[in-house]
C-alpha cells in the first residue's frame, strides 16, 4: 500500500514538473517582477 501510493505521488509530481509548471513559467516571464525563492526553486 505505501509503496503504491508513493509511486503514484512521484509520478504525479513528475507530470506536474514536466507539463504544468512550464505553463506557469511562461506566464511569470511576462510579469517582469522578482519571483519568490520557493517559486524559483520549483
ModelCIF file with pLDDT and N, C-alpha, C, O atoms, coordinates in Angstrom:
data_MODEL
#
_entry.id   MODEL 
#
_entity.id                         1 
_entity.type                       polymer 
_entity.pdbx_number_of_molecules   1 
#
_entity_poly.entity_id                      1 
_entity_poly.type                           'polypeptide(L)' 
_entity_poly.nstd_linkage                   no 
_entity_poly.nstd_monomer                   no 
_entity_poly.pdbx_seq_one_letter_code       
;(UNK)(UNK)(UNK)(UNK)(UNK)(UNK)(UNK)(UNK)(UNK)(UNK)(UNK)(UNK)(UNK)(UNK)(UNK)(UNK)
(UNK)(UNK)(UNK)(UNK)(UNK)(UNK)(UNK)(UNK)(UNK)(UNK)(UNK)(UNK)(UNK)(UNK)(UNK)(UNK)
(UNK)(UNK)(UNK)(UNK)(UNK)(UNK)(UNK)(UNK)(UNK)(UNK)
;
_entity_poly.pdbx_seq_one_letter_code_can   XXXXXXXXXXXXXXXXXXXXXXXXXXXXXXXXXXXXXXXXXX 
_entity_poly.pdbx_strand_id                 A 
#
loop_
_entity_poly_seq.entity_id 
_entity_poly_seq.num 
_entity_poly_seq.mon_id 
_entity_poly_seq.hetero 
1 1  UNK n 
1 2  UNK n 
1 3  UNK n 
1 4  UNK n 
1 5  UNK n 
1 6  UNK n 
1 7  UNK n 
1 8  UNK n 
1 9  UNK n 
1 10 UNK n 
1 11 UNK n 
1 12 UNK n 
1 13 UNK n 
1 14 UNK n 
1 15 UNK n 
1 16 UNK n 
1 17 UNK n 
1 18 UNK n 
1 19 UNK n 
1 20 UNK n 
1 21 UNK n 
1 22 UNK n 
1 23 UNK n 
1 24 UNK n 
1 25 UNK n 
1 26 UNK n 
1 27 UNK n 
1 28 UNK n 
1 29 UNK n 
1 30 UNK n 
1 31 UNK n 
1 32 UNK n 
1 33 UNK n 
1 34 UNK n 
1 35 UNK n 
1 36 UNK n 
1 37 UNK n 
1 38 UNK n 
1 39 UNK n 
1 40 UNK n 
1 41 UNK n 
1 42 UNK n 
#
_struct_asym.id          A 
_struct_asym.entity_id   1 
#
loop_
_ma_qa_metric.id 
_ma_qa_metric.mode 
_ma_qa_metric.name 
_ma_qa_metric.software_group_id 
_ma_qa_metric.type 
1 global pLDDT . pLDDT 
2 local  pLDDT . pLDDT 
#
_ma_qa_metric_global.metric_id      1 
_ma_qa_metric_global.metric_value   77.76 
_ma_qa_metric_global.model_id       1 
_ma_qa_metric_global.ordinal_id     1 
#
loop_
_ma_qa_metric_local.label_asym_id 
_ma_qa_metric_local.label_comp_id 
_ma_qa_metric_local.label_seq_id 
_ma_qa_metric_local.metric_id 
_ma_qa_metric_local.metric_value 
_ma_qa_metric_local.model_id 
_ma_qa_metric_local.ordinal_id 
A UNK 1  2 74.00 1 1  
A UNK 2  2 75.00 1 2  
A UNK 3  2 79.00 1 3  
A UNK 4  2 80.00 1 4  
A UNK 5  2 78.00 1 5  
A UNK 6  2 77.00 1 6  
A UNK 7  2 82.00 1 7  
A UNK 8  2 82.00 1 8  
A UNK 9  2 80.00 1 9  
A UNK 10 2 81.00 1 10 
A UNK 11 2 84.00 1 11 
A UNK 12 2 83.00 1 12 
A UNK 13 2 82.00 1 13 
A UNK 14 2 83.00 1 14 
A UNK 15 2 84.00 1 15 
A UNK 16 2 82.00 1 16 
A UNK 17 2 83.00 1 17 
A UNK 18 2 83.00 1 18 
A UNK 19 2 82.00 1 19 
A UNK 20 2 80.00 1 20 
A UNK 21 2 80.00 1 21 
A UNK 22 2 82.00 1 22 
A UNK 23 2 80.00 1 23 
A UNK 24 2 77.00 1 24 
A UNK 25 2 76.00 1 25 
A UNK 26 2 76.00 1 26 
A UNK 27 2 74.00 1 27 
A UNK 28 2 72.00 1 28 
A UNK 29 2 70.00 1 29 
A UNK 30 2 67.00 1 30 
A UNK 31 2 62.00 1 31 
A UNK 32 2 61.00 1 32 
A UNK 33 2 61.00 1 33 
A UNK 34 2 71.00 1 34 
A UNK 35 2 74.00 1 35 
A UNK 36 2 77.00 1 36 
A UNK 37 2 80.00 1 37 
A UNK 38 2 82.00 1 38 
A UNK 39 2 81.00 1 39 
A UNK 40 2 82.00 1 40 
A UNK 41 2 84.00 1 41 
A UNK 42 2 83.00 1 42 
#
loop_
_atom_site.group_PDB 
_atom_site.id 
_atom_site.type_symbol 
_atom_site.label_atom_id 
_atom_site.label_alt_id 
_atom_site.label_comp_id 
_atom_site.label_asym_id 
_atom_site.label_entity_id 
_atom_site.label_seq_id 
_atom_site.pdbx_PDB_ins_code 
_atom_site.Cartn_x 
_atom_site.Cartn_y 
_atom_site.Cartn_z 
_atom_site.occupancy 
_atom_site.B_iso_or_equiv 
_atom_site.pdbx_formal_charge 
_atom_site.auth_seq_id 
_atom_site.auth_comp_id 
_atom_site.auth_asym_id 
_atom_site.auth_atom_id 
_atom_site.pdbx_PDB_model_num 
ATOM 1   N N  . UNK A 1 1  ? 0.813  -1.218 0.000   1.00 74.00 ? 1  UNK A N  1 
ATOM 2   C CA . UNK A 1 1  ? 0.000  0.000  0.000   1.00 74.00 ? 1  UNK A CA 1 
ATOM 3   C C  . UNK A 1 1  ? 0.850  1.273  0.000   1.00 74.00 ? 1  UNK A C  1 
ATOM 4   O O  . UNK A 1 1  ? 0.667  2.116  -0.879  1.00 74.00 ? 1  UNK A O  1 
ATOM 5   N N  . UNK A 1 2  ? 1.777  1.445  0.959   1.00 75.00 ? 2  UNK A N  1 
ATOM 6   C CA . UNK A 1 2  ? 2.567  2.688  0.942   1.00 75.00 ? 2  UNK A CA 1 
ATOM 7   C C  . UNK A 1 2  ? 3.445  2.832  -0.292  1.00 75.00 ? 2  UNK A C  1 
ATOM 8   O O  . UNK A 1 2  ? 3.602  3.935  -0.814  1.00 75.00 ? 2  UNK A O  1 
ATOM 9   N N  . UNK A 1 3  ? 4.025  1.720  -0.768  1.00 79.00 ? 3  UNK A N  1 
ATOM 10  C CA . UNK A 1 3  ? 4.875  1.785  -1.962  1.00 79.00 ? 3  UNK A CA 1 
ATOM 11  C C  . UNK A 1 3  ? 4.055  2.220  -3.175  1.00 79.00 ? 3  UNK A C  1 
ATOM 12  O O  . UNK A 1 3  ? 4.504  3.049  -3.967  1.00 79.00 ? 3  UNK A O  1 
ATOM 13  N N  . UNK A 1 4  ? 2.847  1.657  -3.320  1.00 80.00 ? 4  UNK A N  1 
ATOM 14  C CA . UNK A 1 4  ? 1.990  2.002  -4.456  1.00 80.00 ? 4  UNK A CA 1 
ATOM 15  C C  . UNK A 1 4  ? 1.597  3.481  -4.413  1.00 80.00 ? 4  UNK A C  1 
ATOM 16  O O  . UNK A 1 4  ? 1.647  4.171  -5.432  1.00 80.00 ? 4  UNK A O  1 
ATOM 17  N N  . UNK A 1 5  ? 1.206  3.964  -3.228  1.00 78.00 ? 5  UNK A N  1 
ATOM 18  C CA . UNK A 1 5  ? 0.788  5.367  -3.091  1.00 78.00 ? 5  UNK A CA 1 
ATOM 19  C C  . UNK A 1 5  ? 1.952  6.317  -3.371  1.00 78.00 ? 5  UNK A C  1 
ATOM 20  O O  . UNK A 1 5  ? 1.781  7.323  -4.060  1.00 78.00 ? 5  UNK A O  1 
ATOM 21  N N  . UNK A 1 6  ? 3.122  6.003  -2.842  1.00 77.00 ? 6  UNK A N  1 
ATOM 22  C CA . UNK A 1 6  ? 4.285  6.866  -3.064  1.00 77.00 ? 6  UNK A CA 1 
ATOM 23  C C  . UNK A 1 6  ? 4.709  6.872  -4.533  1.00 77.00 ? 6  UNK A C  1 
ATOM 24  O O  . UNK A 1 6  ? 5.109  7.909  -5.062  1.00 77.00 ? 6  UNK A O  1 
ATOM 25  N N  . UNK A 1 7  ? 4.621  5.713  -5.192  1.00 82.00 ? 7  UNK A N  1 
ATOM 26  C CA . UNK A 1 7  ? 4.934  5.662  -6.623  1.00 82.00 ? 7  UNK A CA 1 
ATOM 27  C C  . UNK A 1 7  ? 3.990  6.565  -7.424  1.00 82.00 ? 7  UNK A C  1 
ATOM 28  O O  . UNK A 1 7  ? 4.420  7.300  -8.313  1.00 82.00 ? 7  UNK A O  1 
ATOM 29  N N  . UNK A 1 8  ? 2.696  6.494  -7.092  1.00 82.00 ? 8  UNK A N  1 
ATOM 30  C CA . UNK A 1 8  ? 1.716  7.353  -7.760  1.00 82.00 ? 8  UNK A CA 1 
ATOM 31  C C  . UNK A 1 8  ? 2.014  8.830  -7.482  1.00 82.00 ? 8  UNK A C  1 
ATOM 32  O O  . UNK A 1 8  ? 1.890  9.678  -8.366  1.00 82.00 ? 8  UNK A O  1 
ATOM 33  N N  . UNK A 1 9  ? 2.407  9.119  -6.239  1.00 80.00 ? 9  UNK A N  1 
ATOM 34  C CA . UNK A 1 9  ? 2.715  10.502 -5.866  1.00 80.00 ? 9  UNK A CA 1 
ATOM 35  C C  . UNK A 1 9  ? 3.891  11.047 -6.671  1.00 80.00 ? 9  UNK A C  1 
ATOM 36  O O  . UNK A 1 9  ? 3.847  12.180 -7.152  1.00 80.00 ? 9  UNK A O  1 
ATOM 37  N N  . UNK A 1 10 ? 4.933  10.247 -6.815  1.00 81.00 ? 10 UNK A N  1 
ATOM 38  C CA . UNK A 1 10 ? 6.099  10.698 -7.571  1.00 81.00 ? 10 UNK A CA 1 
ATOM 39  C C  . UNK A 1 10 ? 5.795  10.826 -9.066  1.00 81.00 ? 10 UNK A C  1 
ATOM 40  O O  . UNK A 1 10 ? 6.320  11.715 -9.735  1.00 81.00 ? 10 UNK A O  1 
ATOM 41  N N  . UNK A 1 11 ? 4.943  9.932  -9.588  1.00 84.00 ? 11 UNK A N  1 
ATOM 42  C CA . UNK A 1 11 ? 4.548  10.039 -10.995 1.00 84.00 ? 11 UNK A CA 1 
ATOM 43  C C  . UNK A 1 11 ? 3.762  11.333 -11.233 1.00 84.00 ? 11 UNK A C  1 
ATOM 44  O O  . UNK A 1 11 ? 4.008  12.056 -12.198 1.00 84.00 ? 11 UNK A O  1 
ATOM 45  N N  . UNK A 1 12 ? 2.813  11.607 -10.336 1.00 83.00 ? 12 UNK A N  1 
ATOM 46  C CA . UNK A 1 12 ? 2.018  12.840 -10.455 1.00 83.00 ? 12 UNK A CA 1 
ATOM 47  C C  . UNK A 1 12 ? 2.921  14.067 -10.342 1.00 83.00 ? 12 UNK A C  1 
ATOM 48  O O  . UNK A 1 12 ? 2.767  15.030 -11.092 1.00 83.00 ? 12 UNK A O  1 
ATOM 49  N N  . UNK A 1 13 ? 3.864  14.025 -9.399  1.00 82.00 ? 13 UNK A N  1 
ATOM 50  C CA . UNK A 1 13 ? 4.800  15.138 -9.237  1.00 82.00 ? 13 UNK A CA 1 
ATOM 51  C C  . UNK A 1 13 ? 5.637  15.344 -10.500 1.00 82.00 ? 13 UNK A C  1 
ATOM 52  O O  . UNK A 1 13 ? 5.859  16.476 -10.930 1.00 82.00 ? 13 UNK A O  1 
ATOM 53  N N  . UNK A 1 14 ? 6.098  14.235 -11.090 1.00 83.00 ? 14 UNK A N  1 
ATOM 54  C CA . UNK A 1 14 ? 6.875  14.323 -12.325 1.00 83.00 ? 14 UNK A CA 1 
ATOM 55  C C  . UNK A 1 14 ? 6.080  14.943 -13.460 1.00 83.00 ? 14 UNK A C  1 
ATOM 56  O O  . UNK A 1 14 ? 6.599  15.768 -14.211 1.00 83.00 ? 14 UNK A O  1 
ATOM 57  N N  . UNK A 1 15 ? 4.810  14.542 -13.586 1.00 84.00 ? 15 UNK A N  1 
ATOM 58  C CA . UNK A 1 15 ? 3.956  15.110 -14.642 1.00 84.00 ? 15 UNK A CA 1 
ATOM 59  C C  . UNK A 1 15 ? 3.742  16.605 -14.425 1.00 84.00 ? 15 UNK A C  1 
ATOM 60  O O  . UNK A 1 15 ? 3.767  17.387 -15.375 1.00 84.00 ? 15 UNK A O  1 
ATOM 61  N N  . UNK A 1 16 ? 3.532  16.995 -13.167 1.00 82.00 ? 16 UNK A N  1 
ATOM 62  C CA . UNK A 1 16 ? 3.353  18.415 -12.857 1.00 82.00 ? 16 UNK A CA 1 
ATOM 63  C C  . UNK A 1 16 ? 4.614  19.221 -13.196 1.00 82.00 ? 16 UNK A C  1 
ATOM 64  O O  . UNK A 1 16 ? 4.523  20.323 -13.737 1.00 82.00 ? 16 UNK A O  1 
ATOM 65  N N  . UNK A 1 17 ? 5.779  18.668 -12.877 1.00 83.00 ? 17 UNK A N  1 
ATOM 66  C CA . UNK A 1 17 ? 7.032  19.376 -13.141 1.00 83.00 ? 17 UNK A CA 1 
ATOM 67  C C  . UNK A 1 17 ? 7.321  19.500 -14.638 1.00 83.00 ? 17 UNK A C  1 
ATOM 68  O O  . UNK A 1 17 ? 7.856  20.513 -15.087 1.00 83.00 ? 17 UNK A O  1 
ATOM 69  N N  . UNK A 1 18 ? 6.969  18.476 -15.403 1.00 83.00 ? 18 UNK A N  1 
ATOM 70  C CA . UNK A 1 18 ? 7.302  18.448 -16.826 1.00 83.00 ? 18 UNK A CA 1 
ATOM 71  C C  . UNK A 1 18 ? 6.253  19.172 -17.668 1.00 83.00 ? 18 UNK A C  1 
ATOM 72  O O  . UNK A 1 18 ? 6.602  19.813 -18.659 1.00 83.00 ? 18 UNK A O  1 
ATOM 73  N N  . UNK A 1 19 ? 4.963  19.081 -17.291 1.00 82.00 ? 19 UNK A N  1 
ATOM 74  C CA . UNK A 1 19 ? 3.889  19.604 -18.140 1.00 82.00 ? 19 UNK A CA 1 
ATOM 75  C C  . UNK A 1 19 ? 3.207  20.861 -17.607 1.00 82.00 ? 19 UNK A C  1 
ATOM 76  O O  . UNK A 1 19 ? 2.892  21.765 -18.381 1.00 82.00 ? 19 UNK A O  1 
ATOM 77  N N  . UNK A 1 20 ? 2.976  20.929 -16.305 1.00 80.00 ? 20 UNK A N  1 
ATOM 78  C CA . UNK A 1 20 ? 2.180  22.017 -15.749 1.00 80.00 ? 20 UNK A CA 1 
ATOM 79  C C  . UNK A 1 20 ? 3.031  23.232 -15.374 1.00 80.00 ? 20 UNK A C  1 
ATOM 80  O O  . UNK A 1 20 ? 2.693  24.363 -15.723 1.00 80.00 ? 20 UNK A O  1 
ATOM 81  N N  . UNK A 1 21 ? 4.125  22.997 -14.667 1.00 80.00 ? 21 UNK A N  1 
ATOM 82  C CA . UNK A 1 21 ? 4.974  24.096 -14.206 1.00 80.00 ? 21 UNK A CA 1 
ATOM 83  C C  . UNK A 1 21 ? 5.502  24.964 -15.363 1.00 80.00 ? 21 UNK A C  1 
ATOM 84  O O  . UNK A 1 21 ? 5.533  26.186 -15.215 1.00 80.00 ? 21 UNK A O  1 
ATOM 85  N N  . UNK A 1 22 ? 5.924  24.385 -16.521 1.00 82.00 ? 22 UNK A N  1 
ATOM 86  C CA . UNK A 1 22 ? 6.371  25.239 -17.634 1.00 82.00 ? 22 UNK A CA 1 
ATOM 87  C C  . UNK A 1 22 ? 5.312  26.236 -18.105 1.00 82.00 ? 22 UNK A C  1 
ATOM 88  O O  . UNK A 1 22 ? 5.663  27.328 -18.549 1.00 82.00 ? 22 UNK A O  1 
ATOM 89  N N  . UNK A 1 23 ? 4.023  25.887 -18.019 1.00 80.00 ? 23 UNK A N  1 
ATOM 90  C CA . UNK A 1 23 ? 2.951  26.824 -18.396 1.00 80.00 ? 23 UNK A CA 1 
ATOM 91  C C  . UNK A 1 23 ? 2.965  28.030 -17.465 1.00 80.00 ? 23 UNK A C  1 
ATOM 92  O O  . UNK A 1 23 ? 2.858  29.169 -17.920 1.00 80.00 ? 23 UNK A O  1 
ATOM 93  N N  . UNK A 1 24 ? 3.095  27.785 -16.165 1.00 77.00 ? 24 UNK A N  1 
ATOM 94  C CA . UNK A 1 24 ? 3.202  28.882 -15.205 1.00 77.00 ? 24 UNK A CA 1 
ATOM 95  C C  . UNK A 1 24 ? 4.473  29.693 -15.439 1.00 77.00 ? 24 UNK A C  1 
ATOM 96  O O  . UNK A 1 24 ? 4.470  30.915 -15.286 1.00 77.00 ? 24 UNK A O  1 
ATOM 97  N N  . UNK A 1 25 ? 5.563  29.013 -15.809 1.00 76.00 ? 25 UNK A N  1 
ATOM 98  C CA . UNK A 1 25 ? 6.836  29.702 -16.046 1.00 76.00 ? 25 UNK A CA 1 
ATOM 99  C C  . UNK A 1 25 ? 6.711  30.709 -17.189 1.00 76.00 ? 25 UNK A C  1 
ATOM 100 O O  . UNK A 1 25 ? 7.237  31.818 -17.108 1.00 76.00 ? 25 UNK A O  1 
ATOM 101 N N  . UNK A 1 26 ? 6.014  30.315 -18.246 1.00 76.00 ? 26 UNK A N  1 
ATOM 102 C CA . UNK A 1 26 ? 5.794  31.239 -19.368 1.00 76.00 ? 26 UNK A CA 1 
ATOM 103 C C  . UNK A 1 26 ? 4.959  32.451 -18.942 1.00 76.00 ? 26 UNK A C  1 
ATOM 104 O O  . UNK A 1 26 ? 5.191  33.571 -19.395 1.00 76.00 ? 26 UNK A O  1 
ATOM 105 N N  . UNK A 1 27 ? 4.007  32.210 -18.083 1.00 74.00 ? 27 UNK A N  1 
ATOM 106 C CA . UNK A 1 27 ? 3.176  33.314 -17.585 1.00 74.00 ? 27 UNK A CA 1 
ATOM 107 C C  . UNK A 1 27 ? 3.996  34.276 -16.723 1.00 74.00 ? 27 UNK A C  1 
ATOM 108 O O  . UNK A 1 27 ? 3.869  35.495 -16.837 1.00 74.00 ? 27 UNK A O  1 
ATOM 109 N N  . UNK A 1 28 ? 4.856  33.691 -15.843 1.00 72.00 ? 28 UNK A N  1 
ATOM 110 C CA . UNK A 1 28 ? 5.665  34.516 -14.944 1.00 72.00 ? 28 UNK A CA 1 
ATOM 111 C C  . UNK A 1 28 ? 6.698  35.358 -15.695 1.00 72.00 ? 28 UNK A C  1 
ATOM 112 O O  . UNK A 1 28 ? 7.073  36.438 -15.239 1.00 72.00 ? 28 UNK A O  1 
ATOM 113 N N  . UNK A 1 29 ? 7.156  34.860 -16.846 1.00 70.00 ? 29 UNK A N  1 
ATOM 114 C CA . UNK A 1 29 ? 8.178  35.591 -17.606 1.00 70.00 ? 29 UNK A CA 1 
ATOM 115 C C  . UNK A 1 29 ? 7.666  36.940 -18.108 1.00 70.00 ? 29 UNK A C  1 
ATOM 116 O O  . UNK A 1 29 ? 8.456  37.854 -18.349 1.00 70.00 ? 29 UNK A O  1 
ATOM 117 N N  . UNK A 1 30 ? 6.340  37.068 -18.267 1.00 67.00 ? 30 UNK A N  1 
ATOM 118 C CA . UNK A 1 30 ? 5.751  38.335 -18.728 1.00 67.00 ? 30 UNK A CA 1 
ATOM 119 C C  . UNK A 1 30 ? 5.509  39.332 -17.605 1.00 67.00 ? 30 UNK A C  1 
ATOM 120 O O  . UNK A 1 30 ? 5.184  40.491 -17.863 1.00 67.00 ? 30 UNK A O  1 
ATOM 121 N N  . UNK A 1 31 ? 5.667  38.887 -16.349 1.00 62.00 ? 31 UNK A N  1 
ATOM 122 C CA . UNK A 1 31 ? 5.433  39.768 -15.220 1.00 62.00 ? 31 UNK A CA 1 
ATOM 123 C C  . UNK A 1 31 ? 6.532  40.807 -15.071 1.00 62.00 ? 31 UNK A C  1 
ATOM 124 O O  . UNK A 1 31 ? 6.278  41.968 -14.749 1.00 62.00 ? 31 UNK A O  1 
ATOM 125 N N  . UNK A 1 32 ? 7.751  40.364 -15.313 1.00 61.00 ? 32 UNK A N  1 
ATOM 126 C CA . UNK A 1 32 ? 8.891  41.268 -15.152 1.00 61.00 ? 32 UNK A CA 1 
ATOM 127 C C  . UNK A 1 32 ? 9.216  41.608 -13.719 1.00 61.00 ? 32 UNK A C  1 
ATOM 128 O O  . UNK A 1 32 ? 9.973  42.544 -13.463 1.00 61.00 ? 32 UNK A O  1 
ATOM 129 N N  . UNK A 1 33 ? 8.655  40.859 -12.770 1.00 61.00 ? 33 UNK A N  1 
ATOM 130 C CA . UNK A 1 33 ? 8.913  41.101 -11.350 1.00 61.00 ? 33 UNK A CA 1 
ATOM 131 C C  . UNK A 1 33 ? 9.770  39.979 -10.778 1.00 61.00 ? 33 UNK A C  1 
ATOM 132 O O  . UNK A 1 33 ? 9.869  38.897 -11.356 1.00 61.00 ? 33 UNK A O  1 
ATOM 133 N N  . UNK A 1 34 ? 10.403 40.263 -9.601  1.00 71.00 ? 34 UNK A N  1 
ATOM 134 C CA . UNK A 1 34 ? 11.197 39.236 -8.932  1.00 71.00 ? 34 UNK A CA 1 
ATOM 135 C C  . UNK A 1 34 ? 10.281 38.163 -8.350  1.00 71.00 ? 34 UNK A C  1 
ATOM 136 O O  . UNK A 1 34 ? 9.281  38.466 -7.699  1.00 71.00 ? 34 UNK A O  1 
ATOM 137 N N  . UNK A 1 35 ? 10.644 36.894 -8.598  1.00 74.00 ? 35 UNK A N  1 
ATOM 138 C CA . UNK A 1 35 ? 9.840  35.777 -8.116  1.00 74.00 ? 35 UNK A CA 1 
ATOM 139 C C  . UNK A 1 35 ? 10.317 35.330 -6.747  1.00 74.00 ? 35 UNK A C  1 
ATOM 140 O O  . UNK A 1 35 ? 11.491 35.500 -6.418  1.00 74.00 ? 35 UNK A O  1 
ATOM 141 N N  . UNK A 1 36 ? 9.413  34.750 -5.926  1.00 77.00 ? 36 UNK A N  1 
ATOM 142 C CA . UNK A 1 36 ? 9.827  34.223 -4.615  1.00 77.00 ? 36 UNK A CA 1 
ATOM 143 C C  . UNK A 1 36 ? 10.860 33.106 -4.755  1.00 77.00 ? 36 UNK A C  1 
ATOM 144 O O  . UNK A 1 36 ? 10.927 32.422 -5.777  1.00 77.00 ? 36 UNK A O  1 
ATOM 145 N N  . UNK A 1 37 ? 11.654 32.942 -3.712  1.00 80.00 ? 37 UNK A N  1 
ATOM 146 C CA . UNK A 1 37 ? 12.720 31.934 -3.735  1.00 80.00 ? 37 UNK A CA 1 
ATOM 147 C C  . UNK A 1 37 ? 12.154 30.528 -3.926  1.00 80.00 ? 37 UNK A C  1 
ATOM 148 O O  . UNK A 1 37 ? 12.721 29.719 -4.660  1.00 80.00 ? 37 UNK A O  1 
ATOM 149 N N  . UNK A 1 38 ? 11.034 30.242 -3.264  1.00 82.00 ? 38 UNK A N  1 
ATOM 150 C CA . UNK A 1 38 ? 10.419 28.917 -3.384  1.00 82.00 ? 38 UNK A CA 1 
ATOM 151 C C  . UNK A 1 38 ? 9.968  28.650 -4.825  1.00 82.00 ? 38 UNK A C  1 
ATOM 152 O O  . UNK A 1 38 ? 10.132 27.543 -5.338  1.00 82.00 ? 38 UNK A O  1 
ATOM 153 N N  . UNK A 1 39 ? 9.403  29.670 -5.468  1.00 81.00 ? 39 UNK A N  1 
ATOM 154 C CA . UNK A 1 39 ? 8.965  29.526 -6.856  1.00 81.00 ? 39 UNK A CA 1 
ATOM 155 C C  . UNK A 1 39 ? 10.153 29.304 -7.785  1.00 81.00 ? 39 UNK A C  1 
ATOM 156 O O  . UNK A 1 39 ? 10.095 28.469 -8.688  1.00 81.00 ? 39 UNK A O  1 
ATOM 157 N N  . UNK A 1 40 ? 11.242 30.062 -7.556  1.00 82.00 ? 40 UNK A N  1 
ATOM 158 C CA . UNK A 1 40 ? 12.453 29.880 -8.364  1.00 82.00 ? 40 UNK A CA 1 
ATOM 159 C C  . UNK A 1 40 ? 13.023 28.475 -8.209  1.00 82.00 ? 40 UNK A C  1 
ATOM 160 O O  . UNK A 1 40 ? 13.484 27.869 -9.176  1.00 82.00 ? 40 UNK A O  1 
ATOM 161 N N  . UNK A 1 41 ? 12.983 27.965 -6.975  1.00 84.00 ? 41 UNK A N  1 
ATOM 162 C CA . UNK A 1 41 ? 13.466 26.592 -6.728  1.00 84.00 ? 41 UNK A CA 1 
ATOM 163 C C  . UNK A 1 41 ? 12.656 25.563 -7.533  1.00 84.00 ? 41 UNK A C  1 
ATOM 164 O O  . UNK A 1 41 ? 13.227 24.652 -8.132  1.00 84.00 ? 41 UNK A O  1 
ATOM 165 N N  . UNK A 1 42 ? 11.332 25.714 -7.542  1.00 83.00 ? 42 UNK A N  1 
ATOM 166 C CA . UNK A 1 42 ? 10.463 24.787 -8.272  1.00 83.00 ? 42 UNK A CA 1 
ATOM 167 C C  . UNK A 1 42 ? 10.676 24.921 -9.780  1.00 83.00 ? 42 UNK A C  1 
ATOM 168 O O  . UNK A 1 42 ? 10.031 24.219 -10.559 1.00 83.00 ? 42 UNK A O  1 
#
